[in-house]
Amino acid sequence: MIRVVSAKILNGYTVKLKLSNGSTKTVNLEPFLCGQIFEPLKQNYKLFASLKVDKTLGTIVWENGADIDPDVLLGKNVPERKSDELFSKSFRVTHKKLAVSEGKAIYKLRAKK
């Protein structure tokens, strides 16, 4: 499994990720910043800038407890946003997807149809 080993904010909500396979990936995180746990990151840039890598999880995390699945960051999986068709369409992939559904600030993974 490929995981995030380091992350650097480039500008705005764009980050450069160094991955465990030695490659790098630049990702605009702004489309991910919606929902109960992520909205504060968009509203408070200082909180967004607290981004760091959790070596155990192998992904990026924030002080408020938010994190993004590394497979979502790599484009292998897509978070489900029932209220935002554009979001879902912009992150479509051709293979099996996992979706994140929001429930009481806890994100649960389920297979997406």
N, C-alpha and C. Protein backbone atom coordinates (compact mmCIF):
# COMPACT_ATOMS: atom_id res chain seq x y z
N MET A 1 0.83 -1.19 0.00
CA MET A 1 0.00 0.00 0.00
C MET A 1 0.88 1.25 0.00
N ILE A 2 0.56 2.17 -0.84
CA ILE A 2 1.29 3.43 -0.92
C ILE A 2 0.72 4.39 0.12
N ARG A 3 1.59 5.02 0.88
CA ARG A 3 1.18 5.94 1.94
C ARG A 3 1.94 7.25 1.81
N VAL A 4 1.44 8.27 2.48
CA VAL A 4 2.06 9.58 2.49
C VAL A 4 3.16 9.59 3.55
N VAL A 5 4.36 10.05 3.16
CA VAL A 5 5.46 10.13 4.12
C VAL A 5 5.81 11.57 4.48
N SER A 6 5.48 12.52 3.60
CA SER A 6 5.66 13.94 3.94
C SER A 6 4.71 14.77 3.09
N ALA A 7 4.43 15.97 3.59
CA ALA A 7 3.51 16.87 2.90
C ALA A 7 3.96 18.30 3.11
N LYS A 8 3.80 19.10 2.06
CA LYS A 8 4.18 20.51 2.12
C LYS A 8 3.08 21.32 1.43
N ILE A 9 2.60 22.35 2.11
CA ILE A 9 1.62 23.24 1.50
C ILE A 9 2.35 24.12 0.50
N LEU A 10 1.87 24.13 -0.74
CA LEU A 10 2.49 24.95 -1.79
C LEU A 10 1.89 26.34 -1.81
N ASN A 11 0.58 26.42 -2.02
CA ASN A 11 -0.14 27.69 -1.95
C ASN A 11 -1.62 27.38 -1.82
N GLY A 12 -2.37 28.26 -1.19
CA GLY A 12 -3.78 28.00 -0.99
C GLY A 12 -3.99 26.65 -0.34
N TYR A 13 -4.80 25.82 -0.97
CA TYR A 13 -5.10 24.49 -0.44
C TYR A 13 -4.40 23.39 -1.23
N THR A 14 -3.37 23.75 -1.96
CA THR A 14 -2.62 22.78 -2.76
C THR A 14 -1.42 22.29 -1.95
N VAL A 15 -1.27 20.97 -1.89
CA VAL A 15 -0.17 20.37 -1.16
C VAL A 15 0.62 19.44 -2.06
N LYS A 16 1.89 19.32 -1.77
CA LYS A 16 2.76 18.37 -2.46
C LYS A 16 3.01 17.23 -1.49
N LEU A 17 2.67 16.03 -1.93
CA LEU A 17 2.82 14.84 -1.10
C LEU A 17 3.99 14.00 -1.58
N LYS A 18 4.82 13.56 -0.67
CA LYS A 18 5.86 12.58 -0.99
C LYS A 18 5.31 11.24 -0.53
N LEU A 19 5.38 10.25 -1.42
CA LEU A 19 4.76 8.96 -1.15
C LEU A 19 5.79 7.88 -0.83
N SER A 20 5.31 6.83 -0.20
CA SER A 20 6.21 5.75 0.25
C SER A 20 6.89 5.01 -0.88
N ASN A 21 6.38 5.14 -2.10
CA ASN A 21 7.03 4.49 -3.25
C ASN A 21 8.07 5.40 -3.90
N GLY A 22 8.34 6.56 -3.28
CA GLY A 22 9.35 7.49 -3.79
C GLY A 22 8.82 8.55 -4.73
N SER A 23 7.59 8.44 -5.16
CA SER A 23 7.01 9.43 -6.08
C SER A 23 6.42 10.60 -5.29
N THR A 24 6.04 11.65 -6.02
CA THR A 24 5.37 12.79 -5.42
C THR A 24 4.06 13.03 -6.16
N LYS A 25 3.14 13.69 -5.49
CA LYS A 25 1.85 14.02 -6.09
C LYS A 25 1.42 15.36 -5.54
N THR A 26 0.96 16.24 -6.43
CA THR A 26 0.43 17.53 -6.03
C THR A 26 -1.09 17.44 -6.08
N VAL A 27 -1.74 17.82 -4.97
CA VAL A 27 -3.19 17.68 -4.84
C VAL A 27 -3.80 18.99 -4.35
N ASN A 28 -4.85 19.43 -5.01
CA ASN A 28 -5.66 20.56 -4.53
C ASN A 28 -6.69 19.98 -3.57
N LEU A 29 -6.59 20.32 -2.29
CA LEU A 29 -7.48 19.75 -1.29
C LEU A 29 -8.78 20.50 -1.13
N GLU A 30 -8.92 21.65 -1.78
CA GLU A 30 -10.13 22.45 -1.59
C GLU A 30 -11.42 21.67 -1.83
N PRO A 31 -11.54 20.84 -2.87
CA PRO A 31 -12.79 20.09 -3.06
C PRO A 31 -13.11 19.12 -1.92
N PHE A 32 -12.12 18.74 -1.14
CA PHE A 32 -12.33 17.82 -0.03
C PHE A 32 -12.83 18.53 1.23
N LEU A 33 -12.71 19.86 1.27
CA LEU A 33 -12.96 20.61 2.49
C LEU A 33 -14.43 20.99 2.65
N CYS A 34 -15.27 19.99 2.77
CA CYS A 34 -16.68 20.22 3.04
C CYS A 34 -17.15 19.17 4.03
N GLY A 35 -18.21 19.45 4.73
CA GLY A 35 -18.68 18.54 5.77
C GLY A 35 -18.25 19.03 7.13
N GLN A 36 -18.83 18.44 8.13
CA GLN A 36 -18.68 18.90 9.51
C GLN A 36 -17.23 18.99 9.99
N ILE A 37 -16.40 18.03 9.67
CA ILE A 37 -15.03 18.04 10.18
C ILE A 37 -14.06 18.82 9.28
N PHE A 38 -14.38 18.92 7.98
CA PHE A 38 -13.47 19.58 7.05
C PHE A 38 -13.76 21.06 6.84
N GLU A 39 -15.01 21.48 7.02
CA GLU A 39 -15.38 22.88 6.79
C GLU A 39 -14.55 23.86 7.63
N PRO A 40 -14.25 23.54 8.91
CA PRO A 40 -13.41 24.46 9.69
C PRO A 40 -12.03 24.69 9.07
N LEU A 41 -11.51 23.70 8.34
CA LEU A 41 -10.20 23.85 7.69
C LEU A 41 -10.27 24.89 6.58
N LYS A 42 -11.42 24.97 5.92
CA LYS A 42 -11.60 25.93 4.84
C LYS A 42 -11.89 27.32 5.39
N GLN A 43 -12.57 27.37 6.52
CA GLN A 43 -12.93 28.65 7.12
C GLN A 43 -11.78 29.28 7.91
N ASN A 44 -10.84 28.47 8.35
CA ASN A 44 -9.73 28.96 9.17
C ASN A 44 -8.42 28.44 8.57
N TYR A 45 -7.77 29.29 7.77
CA TYR A 45 -6.56 28.84 7.07
C TYR A 45 -5.44 28.47 8.04
N LYS A 46 -5.41 29.12 9.19
CA LYS A 46 -4.39 28.77 10.18
C LYS A 46 -4.57 27.32 10.63
N LEU A 47 -5.82 26.90 10.78
CA LEU A 47 -6.10 25.50 11.12
C LEU A 47 -5.70 24.59 9.97
N PHE A 48 -6.02 24.99 8.73
CA PHE A 48 -5.61 24.19 7.57
C PHE A 48 -4.08 24.04 7.54
N ALA A 49 -3.38 25.13 7.86
CA ALA A 49 -1.91 25.12 7.83
C ALA A 49 -1.30 24.24 8.92
N SER A 50 -2.12 23.74 9.86
CA SER A 50 -1.61 22.82 10.89
C SER A 50 -1.43 21.41 10.33
N LEU A 51 -1.66 21.24 9.04
CA LEU A 51 -1.51 19.95 8.36
C LEU A 51 -0.18 19.30 8.70
N LYS A 52 -0.23 18.01 8.99
CA LYS A 52 0.99 17.23 9.23
C LYS A 52 0.73 15.80 8.79
N VAL A 53 1.77 15.01 8.74
CA VAL A 53 1.65 13.60 8.35
C VAL A 53 1.64 12.75 9.61
N ASP A 54 0.68 11.87 9.69
CA ASP A 54 0.63 10.88 10.75
C ASP A 54 1.29 9.61 10.18
N LYS A 55 2.45 9.28 10.71
CA LYS A 55 3.23 8.15 10.17
C LYS A 55 2.50 6.82 10.36
N THR A 56 1.72 6.70 11.43
CA THR A 56 0.98 5.46 11.68
C THR A 56 -0.13 5.28 10.66
N LEU A 57 -0.87 6.35 10.39
CA LEU A 57 -1.97 6.29 9.42
C LEU A 57 -1.46 6.36 7.98
N GLY A 58 -0.30 6.97 7.80
CA GLY A 58 0.24 7.11 6.45
C GLY A 58 -0.50 8.13 5.61
N THR A 59 -1.01 9.16 6.27
CA THR A 59 -1.77 10.19 5.57
C THR A 59 -1.66 11.52 6.30
N ILE A 60 -2.30 12.54 5.72
CA ILE A 60 -2.28 13.87 6.32
C ILE A 60 -3.41 14.01 7.34
N VAL A 61 -3.11 14.74 8.39
CA VAL A 61 -4.07 14.97 9.48
C VAL A 61 -3.99 16.43 9.91
N TRP A 62 -5.01 16.86 10.65
CA TRP A 62 -5.05 18.22 11.17
C TRP A 62 -5.34 18.19 12.66
N GLU A 63 -5.10 19.32 13.32
CA GLU A 63 -5.28 19.44 14.77
C GLU A 63 -6.72 19.17 15.22
N ASN A 64 -7.70 19.41 14.35
CA ASN A 64 -9.10 19.21 14.74
C ASN A 64 -9.55 17.75 14.59
N GLY A 65 -8.64 16.85 14.24
CA GLY A 65 -8.96 15.44 14.12
C GLY A 65 -9.29 15.00 12.70
N ALA A 66 -9.33 15.92 11.76
CA ALA A 66 -9.62 15.58 10.37
C ALA A 66 -8.44 14.84 9.75
N ASP A 67 -8.75 13.91 8.85
CA ASP A 67 -7.72 13.25 8.05
C ASP A 67 -8.37 12.82 6.74
N ILE A 68 -7.55 12.59 5.74
CA ILE A 68 -8.05 12.14 4.45
C ILE A 68 -7.38 10.82 4.12
N ASP A 69 -8.19 9.83 3.79
CA ASP A 69 -7.69 8.50 3.44
C ASP A 69 -6.62 8.64 2.36
N PRO A 70 -5.46 8.00 2.52
CA PRO A 70 -4.41 8.12 1.50
C PRO A 70 -4.85 7.63 0.13
N ASP A 71 -5.74 6.64 0.07
CA ASP A 71 -6.22 6.17 -1.23
C ASP A 71 -7.08 7.22 -1.92
N VAL A 72 -7.78 8.03 -1.15
CA VAL A 72 -8.54 9.15 -1.73
C VAL A 72 -7.57 10.19 -2.27
N LEU A 73 -6.52 10.49 -1.52
CA LEU A 73 -5.52 11.46 -1.99
C LEU A 73 -4.85 11.00 -3.28
N LEU A 74 -4.67 9.70 -3.43
CA LEU A 74 -4.02 9.15 -4.61
C LEU A 74 -4.99 8.98 -5.78
N GLY A 75 -6.27 9.24 -5.56
CA GLY A 75 -7.25 9.12 -6.62
C GLY A 75 -7.76 7.71 -6.84
N LYS A 76 -7.44 6.79 -5.92
CA LYS A 76 -7.88 5.40 -6.06
C LYS A 76 -9.30 5.21 -5.57
N ASN A 77 -9.72 6.02 -4.61
CA ASN A 77 -11.07 5.96 -4.06
C ASN A 77 -11.66 7.36 -4.11
N VAL A 78 -12.97 7.43 -3.97
CA VAL A 78 -13.64 8.72 -4.08
C VAL A 78 -14.58 8.90 -2.89
N PRO A 79 -14.53 10.05 -2.23
CA PRO A 79 -15.49 10.29 -1.15
C PRO A 79 -16.87 10.55 -1.73
N GLU A 80 -17.88 10.02 -1.10
CA GLU A 80 -19.25 10.22 -1.58
C GLU A 80 -19.81 11.51 -1.00
N ARG A 81 -20.35 12.34 -1.83
CA ARG A 81 -20.99 13.59 -1.40
C ARG A 81 -22.39 13.60 -1.99
N LYS A 82 -23.36 13.12 -1.26
CA LYS A 82 -24.72 13.00 -1.76
C LYS A 82 -25.28 14.34 -2.20
N SER A 83 -24.89 15.41 -1.54
CA SER A 83 -25.47 16.72 -1.84
C SER A 83 -24.71 17.47 -2.92
N ASP A 84 -23.65 16.89 -3.43
CA ASP A 84 -22.82 17.63 -4.38
C ASP A 84 -22.43 16.75 -5.56
N GLU A 85 -23.27 16.71 -6.57
CA GLU A 85 -23.01 15.90 -7.76
C GLU A 85 -21.70 16.27 -8.44
N LEU A 86 -21.40 17.55 -8.53
CA LEU A 86 -20.18 18.00 -9.19
C LEU A 86 -18.96 17.40 -8.51
N PHE A 87 -18.97 17.38 -7.17
CA PHE A 87 -17.86 16.82 -6.41
C PHE A 87 -17.66 15.36 -6.80
N SER A 88 -18.72 14.58 -6.79
CA SER A 88 -18.62 13.16 -7.13
C SER A 88 -18.12 12.96 -8.54
N LYS A 89 -18.64 13.73 -9.49
CA LYS A 89 -18.24 13.58 -10.88
C LYS A 89 -16.77 13.93 -11.08
N SER A 90 -16.28 14.91 -10.33
CA SER A 90 -14.91 15.36 -10.53
C SER A 90 -13.89 14.36 -9.98
N PHE A 91 -14.31 13.40 -9.18
CA PHE A 91 -13.38 12.44 -8.59
C PHE A 91 -13.69 11.01 -8.99
N ARG A 92 -14.39 10.82 -10.11
CA ARG A 92 -14.72 9.47 -10.58
C ARG A 92 -13.48 8.69 -10.99
N VAL A 93 -13.47 7.44 -10.65
CA VAL A 93 -12.41 6.54 -11.10
C VAL A 93 -13.07 5.30 -11.70
N THR A 94 -12.32 4.52 -12.45
CA THR A 94 -12.92 3.42 -13.19
C THR A 94 -12.95 2.10 -12.41
N HIS A 95 -12.19 1.98 -11.35
CA HIS A 95 -12.18 0.73 -10.61
C HIS A 95 -13.03 0.85 -9.34
N LYS A 96 -13.10 -0.22 -8.57
CA LYS A 96 -13.92 -0.25 -7.36
C LYS A 96 -13.60 0.94 -6.46
N LYS A 97 -14.65 1.55 -5.94
CA LYS A 97 -14.49 2.74 -5.11
C LYS A 97 -14.99 2.47 -3.69
N LEU A 98 -14.39 3.14 -2.74
CA LEU A 98 -14.94 3.21 -1.40
C LEU A 98 -15.45 4.61 -1.22
N ALA A 99 -16.51 4.76 -0.47
CA ALA A 99 -17.09 6.08 -0.27
C ALA A 99 -17.12 6.41 1.21
N VAL A 100 -16.99 7.66 1.52
CA VAL A 100 -17.04 8.12 2.89
C VAL A 100 -18.41 8.73 3.11
N SER A 101 -19.10 8.28 4.13
CA SER A 101 -20.38 8.89 4.46
C SER A 101 -20.27 9.50 5.85
N GLU A 102 -20.89 10.64 6.01
CA GLU A 102 -20.75 11.41 7.23
C GLU A 102 -21.83 11.00 8.22
N GLY A 103 -21.46 10.82 9.46
CA GLY A 103 -22.42 10.51 10.50
C GLY A 103 -21.87 10.90 11.85
N LYS A 104 -22.38 11.95 12.44
CA LYS A 104 -21.96 12.43 13.76
C LYS A 104 -20.45 12.64 13.84
N ALA A 105 -19.87 13.29 12.89
CA ALA A 105 -18.45 13.61 12.84
C ALA A 105 -17.56 12.37 12.76
N ILE A 106 -18.15 11.22 12.50
CA ILE A 106 -17.38 9.99 12.31
C ILE A 106 -17.59 9.56 10.87
N TYR A 107 -16.52 9.28 10.19
CA TYR A 107 -16.60 8.90 8.79
C TYR A 107 -16.47 7.39 8.68
N LYS A 108 -17.45 6.79 8.01
CA LYS A 108 -17.46 5.34 7.86
C LYS A 108 -17.23 5.00 6.39
N LEU A 109 -16.48 3.94 6.14
CA LEU A 109 -16.24 3.50 4.77
C LEU A 109 -17.26 2.45 4.39
N ARG A 110 -17.77 2.55 3.17
CA ARG A 110 -18.67 1.54 2.65
C ARG A 110 -18.43 1.40 1.17
N ALA A 111 -18.72 0.25 0.62
CA ALA A 111 -18.54 0.05 -0.82
C ALA A 111 -19.51 0.92 -1.58
N LYS A 112 -19.04 1.60 -2.62
CA LYS A 112 -19.90 2.44 -3.44
C LYS A 112 -20.37 1.64 -4.63
N LYS A 113 -21.67 1.74 -4.92
CA LYS A 113 -22.26 1.01 -6.05
C LYS A 113 -21.96 1.67 -7.35
